[in-house]
Amino acid sequence: MNRGRAARARAGAALLLCGALLAGCGLKSGSPMVDDVRPGTVGRGRPLKGAQLTVTSKEFTEQLVLGAVMGIAFQAAGASVQDRTGIQGSIGAREAVKSGDADAMYEYTGTAWITYLGNNEPIADPHGQWVAVRDADKANGVTWLPPARLDNTYALAVNPATEKKYGVKSLSQAAELARRDPGAVTLCVESEFASRQDGLPGMQRKYGMDIPASDVRKMDGGIVYTELSSGRSCAFGEVFTTDGRIKALDLTVLDDDKDFFPNYNVAPEINSATLEKYPAIPEVLAPITAKLDNALARELNAKVAVQGQDPHTVALEWMLSEGFVKD
């Protein structure tokens, strides 16, 4: 996910490029969704019958699953759905919804507040963050529906051996360990996290940590998980809270007990003109959004990232298992 200052540094140029050449942002591709589904607990009465809707998403696992979930729900409610999920980066998918080239996607409140709307400081209260984004984005022709509990934000995690050795459950306890036993808190992080103010520097200030640069190992995000699991390079590692590898590798996420990391709650982001034309969209998506939380996201993400399953298949099987749709 593109977040914060690093993303904003590229956002202006990307926005111009997307506006001038939509195909260059990946918006030219797409194909019809052809799931043979009918209403379950969503889509009863087929309130979107006759609608032609385009669903989009970013390219990473969680977004691909959520994009498929949204498209399947719209189909069950009677719509014909064009699949334009998997757009590289945040800006392209966002601009598609904003411009009307796409109608809807699941997006993150923190990404919108910091990356798209240009704010420097996140809002600590999750609901307050969503309200601020909802109100600010009205002027952009974008409507935000109520958010899920799913919060894909930063965190630190430990493997079972480290948890057993130190008994650390929270970032405050990790900070105390660093003060009590210098060198015990070794970190594996992505390079961006190491320099972001909503990453390592800000976290250290908030929790009173002073981790020497020699104890911070920078690496690709995927390698962080393998190194953290093995304990070879670090005792603590940067993770995203809904990543399927957390469960697969038996990692424990430390409690952000001082609420430092921004809220990245997922919520439906709808083109306002589309919503005016099809006012049944909120009732179709509401029960699905209400089910989304971090535990579920980790489970579904792991089926793709760890087990190698197809994201659309994972989404459809979950929708069927919940009774949202019937085949």
Protein backbone atom coordinates (compact mmCIF):
# COMPACT_ATOMS: atom_id res chain seq x y z
CA MET A 1 0.00 0.00 0.00
CA ASN A 2 1.32 3.49 -0.87
CA ARG A 3 1.22 5.61 2.26
CA GLY A 4 2.31 8.93 3.72
CA ARG A 5 5.01 11.28 2.63
CA ALA A 6 6.82 8.95 0.28
CA ALA A 7 3.64 8.42 -1.69
CA ARG A 8 2.77 12.13 -1.70
CA ALA A 9 6.16 12.93 -3.20
CA ARG A 10 5.12 10.93 -6.28
CA ALA A 11 1.42 11.69 -6.21
CA GLY A 12 1.42 14.96 -8.18
CA ALA A 13 3.20 13.54 -11.19
CA ALA A 14 1.19 10.36 -11.08
CA LEU A 15 -2.09 12.25 -10.91
CA LEU A 16 -1.18 14.29 -13.99
CA LEU A 17 -0.15 11.16 -15.84
CA CYS A 18 -3.34 9.35 -14.93
CA GLY A 19 -5.47 12.27 -15.91
CA ALA A 20 -3.74 12.67 -19.27
CA LEU A 21 -3.36 9.00 -20.16
CA LEU A 22 -5.72 6.70 -18.30
CA ALA A 23 -4.50 3.66 -20.17
CA GLY A 24 -1.03 4.30 -18.80
CA CYS A 25 -2.40 3.78 -15.30
CA GLY A 26 -3.66 0.33 -16.16
CA LEU A 27 -7.28 1.35 -16.67
CA LYS A 28 -7.58 0.14 -20.25
CA SER A 29 -7.53 -3.52 -19.31
CA GLY A 30 -10.49 -5.36 -17.87
CA SER A 31 -12.97 -8.11 -18.53
CA PRO A 32 -16.52 -8.96 -17.51
CA MET A 33 -17.07 -10.82 -14.25
CA VAL A 34 -19.08 -13.90 -15.11
CA ASP A 35 -19.80 -15.54 -11.75
CA ASP A 36 -23.00 -17.57 -11.87
CA VAL A 37 -24.37 -16.27 -8.57
CA ARG A 38 -27.77 -15.27 -7.26
CA PRO A 39 -28.81 -13.38 -4.14
CA GLY A 40 -28.27 -14.89 -0.73
CA THR A 41 -28.46 -12.48 2.17
CA VAL A 42 -27.28 -9.69 -0.14
CA GLY A 43 -28.83 -8.58 -3.40
CA ARG A 44 -32.37 -9.75 -2.59
CA GLY A 45 -34.83 -8.33 -5.07
CA ARG A 46 -31.87 -7.66 -7.41
CA PRO A 47 -31.90 -3.89 -6.77
CA LEU A 48 -29.03 -3.32 -9.23
CA LYS A 49 -30.72 -5.11 -12.13
CA GLY A 50 -29.70 -3.43 -15.38
CA ALA A 51 -26.76 -1.56 -13.84
CA GLN A 52 -23.39 -1.71 -15.55
CA LEU A 53 -20.68 -1.22 -12.93
CA THR A 54 -16.89 -1.27 -13.07
CA VAL A 55 -15.01 -2.44 -9.98
CA THR A 56 -11.35 -1.63 -9.44
CA SER A 57 -8.59 -2.34 -6.90
CA LYS A 58 -4.86 -2.06 -6.36
CA GLU A 59 -2.60 -4.97 -7.25
CA PHE A 60 -1.75 -6.59 -3.90
CA THR A 61 -3.42 -9.69 -2.47
CA GLU A 62 -5.90 -8.13 -0.07
CA GLN A 63 -7.09 -5.64 -2.67
CA LEU A 64 -7.59 -8.33 -5.29
CA VAL A 65 -9.74 -10.33 -2.89
CA LEU A 66 -11.78 -7.29 -1.83
CA GLY A 67 -12.27 -6.20 -5.43
CA ALA A 68 -13.63 -9.63 -6.29
CA VAL A 69 -15.90 -9.60 -3.22
CA MET A 70 -17.41 -6.29 -4.31
CA GLY A 71 -17.90 -7.42 -7.89
CA ILE A 72 -19.54 -10.68 -6.86
CA ALA A 73 -21.95 -8.80 -4.59
CA PHE A 74 -22.93 -6.45 -7.40
CA GLN A 75 -23.55 -9.41 -9.73
CA ALA A 76 -25.79 -11.11 -7.18
CA ALA A 77 -27.77 -7.87 -6.94
CA GLY A 78 -28.36 -7.94 -10.69
CA ALA A 79 -25.57 -5.77 -12.13
CA SER A 80 -23.27 -6.52 -15.03
CA VAL A 81 -19.75 -6.00 -13.69
CA GLN A 82 -16.56 -5.06 -15.48
CA ASP A 83 -13.44 -6.26 -13.65
CA ARG A 84 -10.61 -3.72 -13.59
CA THR A 85 -8.96 -4.93 -10.42
CA GLY A 86 -5.19 -5.19 -10.02
CA ILE A 87 -4.12 -1.66 -10.99
CA GLN A 88 -0.52 -1.00 -9.97
CA GLY A 89 -0.17 1.49 -7.12
CA SER A 90 -2.79 3.47 -5.24
CA ILE A 91 -3.12 6.49 -7.50
CA GLY A 92 -4.42 4.72 -10.61
CA ALA A 93 -7.30 2.94 -8.87
CA ARG A 94 -8.20 6.04 -6.89
CA GLU A 95 -8.27 8.23 -9.99
CA ALA A 96 -10.43 5.69 -11.78
CA VAL A 97 -13.14 6.01 -9.12
CA LYS A 98 -12.75 9.77 -8.84
CA SER A 99 -13.05 10.31 -12.60
CA GLY A 100 -15.85 7.79 -13.12
CA ASP A 101 -13.71 5.46 -15.22
CA ALA A 102 -14.50 2.97 -12.45
CA ASP A 103 -17.47 3.05 -10.11
CA ALA A 104 -16.26 1.58 -6.84
CA MET A 105 -13.48 -0.05 -4.84
CA TYR A 106 -12.51 -0.89 -1.26
CA GLU A 107 -10.02 1.74 -0.08
CA TYR A 108 -8.22 2.60 3.16
CA THR A 109 -9.05 5.67 5.26
CA GLY A 110 -5.43 6.39 6.18
CA THR A 111 -4.30 6.23 2.56
CA ALA A 112 -6.99 8.70 1.54
CA TRP A 113 -6.31 11.10 4.40
CA ILE A 114 -2.54 11.21 3.99
CA THR A 115 -1.82 10.31 0.36
CA TYR A 116 -4.82 11.63 -1.57
CA LEU A 117 -6.00 14.48 0.63
CA GLY A 118 -2.52 15.72 1.56
CA ASN A 119 -2.65 15.74 5.35
CA ASN A 120 0.45 15.23 7.47
CA GLU A 121 -1.06 13.93 10.71
CA PRO A 122 -3.44 10.97 11.00
CA ILE A 123 -6.49 11.10 13.25
CA ALA A 124 -6.18 8.70 16.18
CA ASP A 125 -9.83 7.72 16.45
CA PRO A 126 -10.75 5.24 13.66
CA HIS A 127 -14.28 6.56 13.27
CA GLY A 128 -13.04 10.14 13.38
CA GLN A 129 -10.53 9.33 10.66
CA TRP A 130 -13.29 7.94 8.45
CA VAL A 131 -15.58 10.92 9.10
CA ALA A 132 -12.79 13.34 8.17
CA VAL A 133 -12.08 11.47 4.93
CA ARG A 134 -15.78 11.16 4.09
CA ASP A 135 -16.39 14.87 4.56
CA ALA A 136 -13.24 16.02 2.75
CA ASP A 137 -13.74 13.74 -0.26
CA LYS A 138 -17.27 14.92 -1.04
CA ALA A 139 -15.80 17.81 -2.99
CA ASN A 140 -13.90 15.32 -5.17
CA GLY A 141 -17.04 13.50 -6.26
CA VAL A 142 -16.20 10.50 -4.07
CA THR A 143 -18.52 9.03 -1.42
CA TRP A 144 -17.25 6.85 1.42
CA LEU A 145 -19.61 4.26 2.88
CA PRO A 146 -19.21 3.12 6.52
CA PRO A 147 -15.90 1.36 7.26
CA ALA A 148 -15.00 -2.16 8.29
CA ARG A 149 -13.06 -3.16 11.38
CA LEU A 150 -10.34 -4.40 9.02
CA ASP A 151 -7.37 -2.12 9.72
CA ASN A 152 -4.35 -2.83 7.52
CA THR A 153 -1.78 -0.72 9.32
CA TYR A 154 1.84 -1.07 10.41
CA ALA A 155 2.88 -3.13 13.42
CA LEU A 156 5.85 -4.87 14.99
CA ALA A 157 5.73 -8.63 15.42
CA VAL A 158 7.81 -11.37 17.04
CA ASN A 159 8.20 -15.11 16.47
CA PRO A 160 7.25 -17.64 19.17
CA ALA A 161 10.81 -18.02 20.45
CA THR A 162 11.24 -14.28 21.00
CA GLU A 163 7.83 -13.98 22.63
CA LYS A 164 8.66 -16.82 25.02
CA LYS A 165 12.14 -15.47 25.78
CA TYR A 166 11.13 -11.89 26.59
CA GLY A 167 7.38 -12.09 27.26
CA VAL A 168 6.84 -8.97 25.17
CA LYS A 169 3.21 -8.28 24.24
CA SER A 170 3.17 -4.54 23.46
CA LEU A 171 5.31 -1.77 22.00
CA SER A 172 5.66 -0.24 25.47
CA GLN A 173 7.14 -3.51 26.70
CA ALA A 174 9.45 -3.61 23.68
CA ALA A 175 10.63 -0.09 24.53
CA GLU A 176 11.27 -1.11 28.12
CA LEU A 177 13.21 -4.15 26.92
CA ALA A 178 15.37 -1.92 24.70
CA ARG A 179 16.19 0.29 27.68
CA ARG A 180 16.79 -2.61 30.05
CA ASP A 181 18.74 -4.84 27.65
CA PRO A 182 20.38 -2.81 24.84
CA GLY A 183 20.81 -4.97 21.79
CA ALA A 184 17.86 -7.24 22.56
CA VAL A 185 15.56 -5.30 20.24
CA THR A 186 16.95 -5.92 16.75
CA LEU A 187 14.66 -4.91 13.90
CA CYS A 188 13.98 -6.08 10.35
CA VAL A 189 12.15 -3.36 8.40
CA GLU A 190 11.52 -2.08 4.89
CA SER A 191 13.65 0.91 3.90
CA GLU A 192 10.60 3.17 3.64
CA PHE A 193 9.41 2.28 7.14
CA ALA A 194 12.87 3.12 8.50
CA SER A 195 12.57 6.74 7.34
CA ARG A 196 8.84 7.53 7.56
CA GLN A 197 7.54 9.70 10.37
CA ASP A 198 4.56 7.34 10.69
CA GLY A 199 7.10 4.50 10.76
CA LEU A 200 10.24 3.84 12.79
CA PRO A 201 11.36 7.42 13.66
CA GLY A 202 7.93 8.42 14.92
CA MET A 203 7.41 5.11 16.73
CA GLN A 204 10.71 5.52 18.58
CA ARG A 205 9.75 9.05 19.68
CA LYS A 206 6.28 7.99 20.80
CA TYR A 207 7.53 5.04 22.85
CA GLY A 208 10.85 6.47 24.02
CA MET A 209 12.91 3.89 22.13
CA ASP A 210 16.52 4.44 21.16
CA ILE A 211 17.46 1.58 18.85
CA PRO A 212 20.96 1.98 17.33
CA ALA A 213 21.11 2.09 13.55
CA SER A 214 23.38 -0.97 13.67
CA ASP A 215 20.44 -2.96 15.12
CA VAL A 216 18.05 -1.97 12.31
CA ARG A 217 18.29 -4.20 9.22
CA LYS A 218 16.63 -2.89 6.07
CA MET A 219 15.30 -5.33 3.48
CA ASP A 220 12.48 -6.13 1.10
CA GLY A 221 9.09 -6.55 2.78
CA GLY A 222 8.78 -10.22 1.88
CA ILE A 223 12.19 -11.01 3.32
CA VAL A 224 11.22 -9.32 6.60
CA TYR A 225 8.71 -12.10 7.25
CA THR A 226 11.12 -14.95 6.54
CA GLU A 227 13.95 -13.40 8.56
CA LEU A 228 11.63 -12.60 11.45
CA SER A 229 10.26 -16.13 11.45
CA SER A 230 13.72 -17.68 11.48
CA GLY A 231 15.17 -15.20 13.98
CA ARG A 232 18.42 -15.07 12.02
CA SER A 233 18.60 -11.32 11.45
CA CYS A 234 16.21 -9.85 13.97
CA ALA A 235 14.04 -10.43 16.99
CA PHE A 236 11.36 -7.93 15.93
CA GLY A 237 10.02 -7.09 12.50
CA GLU A 238 7.74 -4.64 10.70
CA VAL A 239 4.54 -6.23 9.39
CA PHE A 240 1.16 -5.22 8.03
CA THR A 241 -1.59 -6.23 10.41
CA THR A 242 -3.73 -8.15 7.89
CA ASP A 243 -0.92 -10.03 6.12
CA GLY A 244 -1.69 -13.73 5.78
CA ARG A 245 1.89 -14.65 6.62
CA ILE A 246 1.37 -13.55 10.23
CA LYS A 247 -0.85 -16.54 10.90
CA ALA A 248 1.05 -18.89 8.59
CA LEU A 249 4.37 -18.18 10.34
CA ASP A 250 2.84 -18.11 13.83
CA LEU A 251 3.94 -14.53 14.47
CA THR A 252 2.55 -12.41 17.30
CA VAL A 253 1.64 -8.78 16.58
CA LEU A 254 2.59 -6.43 19.40
CA ASP A 255 -0.13 -4.19 20.78
CA ASP A 256 0.24 -0.54 19.75
CA ASP A 257 -0.86 0.46 23.25
CA LYS A 258 -0.22 4.19 22.71
CA ASP A 259 -2.13 4.23 19.40
CA PHE A 260 0.79 5.53 17.34
CA PHE A 261 0.23 3.93 13.95
CA PRO A 262 -2.43 5.50 11.69
CA ASN A 263 -5.76 3.83 11.08
CA TYR A 264 -6.08 2.19 7.68
CA ASN A 265 -9.63 0.91 7.96
CA VAL A 266 -11.06 -0.35 4.69
CA ALA A 267 -14.32 1.10 3.39
CA PRO A 268 -16.23 1.20 0.09
CA GLU A 269 -15.24 4.24 -1.97
CA ILE A 270 -17.93 5.02 -4.56
CA ASN A 271 -18.08 7.52 -7.40
CA SER A 272 -20.77 9.95 -6.21
CA ALA A 273 -22.53 10.14 -9.58
CA THR A 274 -22.74 6.34 -9.67
CA LEU A 275 -24.20 6.28 -6.17
CA GLU A 276 -26.82 8.85 -7.14
CA LYS A 277 -27.81 6.68 -10.10
CA TYR A 278 -27.78 3.43 -8.11
CA PRO A 279 -28.74 4.28 -4.50
CA ALA A 280 -29.08 0.58 -3.58
CA ILE A 281 -25.27 0.11 -3.55
CA PRO A 282 -24.88 0.84 0.20
CA GLU A 283 -27.46 -1.77 1.23
CA VAL A 284 -25.77 -4.36 -1.01
CA LEU A 285 -22.32 -3.79 0.50
CA ALA A 286 -23.17 -3.03 4.16
CA PRO A 287 -23.47 -6.61 5.51
CA ILE A 288 -20.29 -7.63 3.71
CA THR A 289 -18.26 -4.68 5.00
CA ALA A 290 -19.54 -5.39 8.53
CA LYS A 291 -17.94 -8.87 8.37
CA LEU A 292 -14.46 -7.70 7.39
CA ASP A 293 -11.91 -7.71 10.20
CA ASN A 294 -8.21 -8.42 10.60
CA ALA A 295 -8.58 -12.10 11.49
CA LEU A 296 -10.68 -12.76 8.40
CA ALA A 297 -8.32 -10.75 6.18
CA ARG A 298 -5.33 -12.75 7.40
CA GLU A 299 -7.17 -15.99 6.68
CA LEU A 300 -8.22 -14.99 3.15
CA ASN A 301 -4.87 -13.36 2.34
CA ALA A 302 -3.02 -16.49 3.45
CA LYS A 303 -5.01 -18.62 1.03
CA VAL A 304 -3.59 -16.50 -1.77
CA ALA A 305 -0.12 -15.50 -0.53
CA VAL A 306 0.77 -18.75 1.27
CA GLN A 307 -1.33 -21.46 -0.39
CA GLY A 308 -1.24 -19.99 -3.91
CA GLN A 309 -5.00 -19.92 -4.50
CA ASP A 310 -6.65 -17.55 -6.98
CA PRO A 311 -7.91 -14.33 -5.29
CA HIS A 312 -11.24 -14.38 -7.12
CA THR A 313 -11.84 -18.01 -6.16
CA VAL A 314 -11.03 -17.22 -2.53
CA ALA A 315 -13.48 -14.32 -2.58
CA LEU A 316 -16.26 -16.36 -4.16
CA GLU A 317 -15.85 -19.30 -1.78
CA TRP A 318 -16.01 -16.95 1.21
CA MET A 319 -19.13 -15.20 -0.14
CA LEU A 320 -20.80 -18.58 -0.63
CA SER A 321 -19.75 -19.87 2.80
CA GLU A 322 -21.22 -16.80 4.49
CA GLY A 323 -24.47 -17.14 2.57
CA PHE A 324 -24.08 -13.69 1.03
CA VAL A 325 -24.61 -15.26 -2.42
CA LYS A 326 -25.77 -18.60 -3.78
CA ASP A 327 -24.52 -20.48 -6.82
